[in-house]
Amino acid sequence: MMVGERGTQGSKNGGIWMGISPSPITSSNVMSATDNNTTWRINGSSAYAFNSSHVGGVHFVFADGRVRFLSENINGGTYQNLGRKADGNVIGAY
């Protein structure tokens, strides 16, 4: 994934770029992140989580140019792996 939605409801943090995120993830070192922690999951409670006004998920742009709607119920490990670059993990169906 290269770009994900983040709504601006209650925040001025919309319109973001997503890249490799450091560990540990904190609001001071990323604008948004894909993490298995429920706070950072799609529509999670963090003001920095990917979110949207769409019911149940968020649109992401992938490096191959496709746009895909990902459910807020996506497996946490899969979601985290989609946001990582060259980690060698195999991602199954999602």
N, C-alpha and C. Protein backbone atom coordinates (compact mmCIF):
# COMPACT_ATOMS: atom_id res chain seq x y z
N MET A 1 0.85 -1.17 0.00
CA MET A 1 0.00 0.00 0.00
C MET A 1 0.89 1.24 0.00
N MET A 2 0.43 2.25 -0.73
CA MET A 2 1.19 3.50 -0.77
C MET A 2 0.44 4.64 -0.10
N VAL A 3 -0.86 4.72 -0.31
CA VAL A 3 -1.64 5.84 0.20
C VAL A 3 -2.94 5.30 0.77
N GLY A 4 -3.35 5.85 1.91
CA GLY A 4 -4.61 5.46 2.52
C GLY A 4 -5.40 6.67 2.94
N GLU A 5 -6.70 6.50 3.06
CA GLU A 5 -7.57 7.59 3.48
C GLU A 5 -7.44 7.89 4.96
N ARG A 6 -7.61 9.14 5.26
CA ARG A 6 -7.78 9.51 6.66
C ARG A 6 -8.69 10.72 6.68
N GLY A 7 -9.85 10.54 7.26
CA GLY A 7 -10.83 11.62 7.34
C GLY A 7 -10.37 12.73 8.25
N THR A 8 -11.04 13.85 8.12
CA THR A 8 -10.66 15.01 8.93
C THR A 8 -11.70 15.33 10.01
N GLN A 9 -12.65 14.44 10.22
CA GLN A 9 -13.67 14.70 11.23
C GLN A 9 -13.02 14.78 12.61
N GLY A 10 -13.15 15.93 13.25
CA GLY A 10 -12.60 16.12 14.58
C GLY A 10 -11.09 16.28 14.60
N SER A 11 -10.46 16.42 13.44
CA SER A 11 -9.01 16.50 13.37
C SER A 11 -8.59 17.27 12.13
N LYS A 12 -7.42 17.81 12.15
CA LYS A 12 -6.87 18.49 10.97
C LYS A 12 -5.79 17.64 10.33
N ASN A 13 -5.83 16.34 10.54
CA ASN A 13 -4.76 15.44 10.11
C ASN A 13 -5.13 14.63 8.88
N GLY A 14 -5.96 15.12 7.97
CA GLY A 14 -6.34 14.38 6.79
C GLY A 14 -5.31 14.51 5.68
N GLY A 15 -5.50 13.74 4.61
CA GLY A 15 -4.65 13.80 3.44
C GLY A 15 -3.19 13.46 3.73
N ILE A 16 -2.88 12.20 3.89
CA ILE A 16 -1.55 11.80 4.33
C ILE A 16 -0.83 10.95 3.30
N TRP A 17 0.46 10.83 3.48
CA TRP A 17 1.30 9.90 2.72
C TRP A 17 1.72 8.80 3.66
N MET A 18 1.77 7.58 3.18
CA MET A 18 2.17 6.48 4.04
C MET A 18 3.49 5.91 3.58
N GLY A 19 4.41 5.72 4.47
CA GLY A 19 5.68 5.10 4.15
C GLY A 19 6.05 4.10 5.23
N ILE A 20 7.29 3.75 5.28
CA ILE A 20 7.76 2.81 6.30
C ILE A 20 7.66 3.48 7.65
N SER A 21 7.11 2.80 8.62
CA SER A 21 6.96 3.39 9.94
C SER A 21 7.97 2.80 10.92
N PRO A 22 8.47 3.64 11.80
CA PRO A 22 9.45 3.17 12.78
C PRO A 22 8.80 2.34 13.88
N SER A 23 9.62 1.73 14.66
CA SER A 23 9.13 0.97 15.80
C SER A 23 9.83 1.49 17.05
N PRO A 24 9.14 1.78 18.12
CA PRO A 24 7.69 1.67 18.27
C PRO A 24 6.97 2.83 17.57
N ILE A 25 5.74 2.58 17.20
CA ILE A 25 4.93 3.60 16.55
C ILE A 25 4.37 4.54 17.61
N THR A 26 4.57 5.82 17.41
CA THR A 26 3.98 6.84 18.28
C THR A 26 3.44 7.95 17.39
N SER A 27 2.57 8.78 17.93
CA SER A 27 2.00 9.87 17.14
C SER A 27 3.05 10.91 16.78
N SER A 28 4.20 10.89 17.43
CA SER A 28 5.23 11.88 17.12
C SER A 28 6.15 11.44 15.99
N ASN A 29 6.12 10.15 15.58
CA ASN A 29 7.04 9.73 14.53
C ASN A 29 6.34 9.20 13.27
N VAL A 30 5.02 9.17 13.22
CA VAL A 30 4.30 8.81 12.00
C VAL A 30 3.04 9.65 11.87
N MET A 31 2.58 9.79 10.64
CA MET A 31 1.29 10.44 10.42
C MET A 31 0.18 9.40 10.47
N SER A 32 0.46 8.19 9.99
CA SER A 32 -0.44 7.04 10.06
C SER A 32 0.39 5.79 9.90
N ALA A 33 -0.16 4.69 10.32
CA ALA A 33 0.60 3.45 10.23
C ALA A 33 -0.35 2.27 10.12
N THR A 34 0.16 1.17 9.58
CA THR A 34 -0.58 -0.09 9.61
C THR A 34 0.04 -0.91 10.73
N ASP A 35 -0.71 -1.13 11.75
CA ASP A 35 -0.20 -1.85 12.91
C ASP A 35 -1.28 -2.78 13.42
N ASN A 36 -0.89 -3.90 14.01
CA ASN A 36 -1.83 -4.87 14.53
C ASN A 36 -2.49 -4.40 15.82
N ASN A 37 -1.94 -3.38 16.45
CA ASN A 37 -2.53 -2.81 17.66
C ASN A 37 -3.89 -2.21 17.30
N THR A 38 -4.93 -2.54 18.05
CA THR A 38 -6.29 -2.08 17.72
C THR A 38 -6.41 -0.56 17.68
N THR A 39 -5.59 0.14 18.40
CA THR A 39 -5.61 1.60 18.37
C THR A 39 -5.29 2.13 16.98
N TRP A 40 -4.38 1.45 16.28
CA TRP A 40 -3.92 1.90 14.96
C TRP A 40 -4.63 1.21 13.80
N ARG A 41 -5.53 0.28 14.07
CA ARG A 41 -6.24 -0.44 13.01
C ARG A 41 -7.15 0.51 12.24
N ILE A 42 -7.69 0.06 11.12
CA ILE A 42 -8.62 0.87 10.33
C ILE A 42 -9.79 1.29 11.20
N ASN A 43 -10.07 2.57 11.20
CA ASN A 43 -11.11 3.19 12.03
C ASN A 43 -10.84 2.98 13.52
N GLY A 44 -9.57 2.81 13.89
CA GLY A 44 -9.19 2.64 15.29
C GLY A 44 -9.35 3.92 16.07
N SER A 45 -9.10 3.86 17.36
CA SER A 45 -9.35 5.00 18.24
C SER A 45 -8.27 6.08 18.17
N SER A 46 -7.11 5.78 17.60
CA SER A 46 -6.07 6.79 17.48
C SER A 46 -6.47 7.85 16.45
N ALA A 47 -6.18 9.10 16.75
CA ALA A 47 -6.43 10.18 15.80
C ALA A 47 -5.57 10.02 14.55
N TYR A 48 -4.58 9.15 14.61
CA TYR A 48 -3.65 8.94 13.50
C TYR A 48 -3.91 7.64 12.74
N ALA A 49 -4.95 6.91 13.09
CA ALA A 49 -5.29 5.68 12.38
C ALA A 49 -5.93 6.02 11.04
N PHE A 50 -5.77 5.15 10.04
CA PHE A 50 -6.48 5.35 8.78
C PHE A 50 -7.96 5.23 9.05
N ASN A 51 -8.74 6.16 8.53
CA ASN A 51 -10.19 6.15 8.76
C ASN A 51 -10.88 6.89 7.64
N SER A 52 -12.19 6.73 7.55
CA SER A 52 -12.96 7.42 6.53
C SER A 52 -14.41 7.53 6.97
N SER A 53 -15.18 8.24 6.17
CA SER A 53 -16.62 8.34 6.41
C SER A 53 -17.36 7.17 5.79
N HIS A 54 -16.64 6.32 5.03
CA HIS A 54 -17.26 5.13 4.44
C HIS A 54 -17.56 4.13 5.56
N VAL A 55 -18.67 3.48 5.46
CA VAL A 55 -19.04 2.50 6.47
C VAL A 55 -18.15 1.27 6.34
N GLY A 56 -17.45 0.91 7.43
CA GLY A 56 -16.76 -0.36 7.51
C GLY A 56 -15.36 -0.46 6.96
N GLY A 57 -14.76 0.64 6.49
CA GLY A 57 -13.40 0.50 5.98
C GLY A 57 -12.85 1.76 5.34
N VAL A 58 -11.76 1.57 4.60
CA VAL A 58 -10.99 2.67 4.04
C VAL A 58 -10.46 2.27 2.66
N HIS A 59 -10.36 3.23 1.74
CA HIS A 59 -9.74 3.00 0.44
C HIS A 59 -8.23 3.19 0.55
N PHE A 60 -7.48 2.30 -0.11
CA PHE A 60 -6.02 2.41 -0.18
C PHE A 60 -5.60 2.34 -1.64
N VAL A 61 -4.54 3.06 -1.99
CA VAL A 61 -3.92 2.97 -3.31
C VAL A 61 -2.67 2.10 -3.15
N PHE A 62 -2.55 1.12 -4.02
CA PHE A 62 -1.41 0.20 -3.98
C PHE A 62 -0.36 0.63 -5.00
N ALA A 63 0.84 0.13 -4.85
CA ALA A 63 1.95 0.52 -5.70
C ALA A 63 1.74 0.15 -7.17
N ASP A 64 0.87 -0.81 -7.44
CA ASP A 64 0.60 -1.19 -8.83
C ASP A 64 -0.50 -0.35 -9.46
N GLY A 65 -1.00 0.65 -8.73
CA GLY A 65 -1.99 1.58 -9.26
C GLY A 65 -3.43 1.25 -8.94
N ARG A 66 -3.70 0.08 -8.38
CA ARG A 66 -5.08 -0.27 -8.06
C ARG A 66 -5.52 0.40 -6.77
N VAL A 67 -6.81 0.59 -6.67
CA VAL A 67 -7.42 1.12 -5.46
C VAL A 67 -8.30 0.03 -4.89
N ARG A 68 -8.18 -0.18 -3.60
CA ARG A 68 -8.95 -1.26 -2.97
C ARG A 68 -9.51 -0.78 -1.64
N PHE A 69 -10.76 -1.16 -1.39
CA PHE A 69 -11.41 -0.87 -0.12
C PHE A 69 -11.08 -1.99 0.85
N LEU A 70 -10.45 -1.65 1.97
CA LEU A 70 -10.12 -2.66 2.98
C LEU A 70 -11.06 -2.52 4.16
N SER A 71 -11.59 -3.63 4.59
CA SER A 71 -12.52 -3.68 5.71
C SER A 71 -11.80 -3.37 7.02
N GLU A 72 -12.51 -2.72 7.92
CA GLU A 72 -11.97 -2.49 9.26
C GLU A 72 -11.84 -3.80 10.03
N ASN A 73 -12.39 -4.88 9.48
CA ASN A 73 -12.30 -6.20 10.11
C ASN A 73 -11.20 -7.06 9.52
N ILE A 74 -10.30 -6.47 8.72
CA ILE A 74 -9.19 -7.22 8.13
C ILE A 74 -8.33 -7.82 9.25
N ASN A 75 -7.78 -8.99 9.00
CA ASN A 75 -6.88 -9.61 9.97
C ASN A 75 -5.75 -8.65 10.29
N GLY A 76 -5.45 -8.46 11.57
CA GLY A 76 -4.44 -7.50 12.00
C GLY A 76 -3.06 -7.77 11.44
N GLY A 77 -2.66 -9.04 11.38
CA GLY A 77 -1.36 -9.38 10.84
C GLY A 77 -1.27 -9.09 9.34
N THR A 78 -2.35 -9.38 8.62
CA THR A 78 -2.39 -9.09 7.18
C THR A 78 -2.31 -7.59 6.94
N TYR A 79 -3.07 -6.84 7.70
CA TYR A 79 -3.06 -5.37 7.58
C TYR A 79 -1.66 -4.82 7.84
N GLN A 80 -1.03 -5.31 8.86
CA GLN A 80 0.33 -4.87 9.20
C GLN A 80 1.30 -5.21 8.07
N ASN A 81 1.21 -6.42 7.53
CA ASN A 81 2.11 -6.84 6.46
C ASN A 81 1.90 -6.05 5.17
N LEU A 82 0.66 -5.66 4.88
CA LEU A 82 0.39 -4.85 3.69
C LEU A 82 1.10 -3.51 3.76
N GLY A 83 1.32 -2.99 4.94
CA GLY A 83 1.97 -1.70 5.11
C GLY A 83 3.47 -1.77 5.22
N ARG A 84 4.03 -2.95 5.15
CA ARG A 84 5.49 -3.10 5.27
C ARG A 84 6.13 -3.26 3.90
N LYS A 85 7.34 -2.79 3.80
CA LYS A 85 8.08 -2.85 2.54
C LYS A 85 9.17 -3.93 2.63
N ALA A 86 9.16 -4.84 1.66
CA ALA A 86 10.23 -5.83 1.49
C ALA A 86 10.55 -6.61 2.75
N ASP A 87 9.52 -7.01 3.49
CA ASP A 87 9.77 -7.78 4.71
C ASP A 87 9.86 -9.28 4.45
N GLY A 88 9.53 -9.69 3.23
CA GLY A 88 9.62 -11.09 2.87
C GLY A 88 8.42 -11.93 3.26
N ASN A 89 7.44 -11.35 3.96
CA ASN A 89 6.27 -12.10 4.37
C ASN A 89 5.34 -12.34 3.18
N VAL A 90 4.75 -13.53 3.13
CA VAL A 90 3.80 -13.87 2.10
C VAL A 90 2.41 -13.47 2.59
N ILE A 91 1.70 -12.71 1.77
CA ILE A 91 0.36 -12.26 2.15
C ILE A 91 -0.65 -13.07 1.37
N GLY A 92 -1.54 -13.74 2.09
CA GLY A 92 -2.58 -14.55 1.45
C GLY A 92 -3.75 -13.68 1.01
N ALA A 93 -4.87 -14.32 0.79
CA ALA A 93 -6.08 -13.61 0.39
C ALA A 93 -6.54 -12.68 1.50
N TYR A 94 -7.08 -11.57 1.10
CA TYR A 94 -7.62 -10.61 2.08
C TYR A 94 -8.77 -9.86 1.48
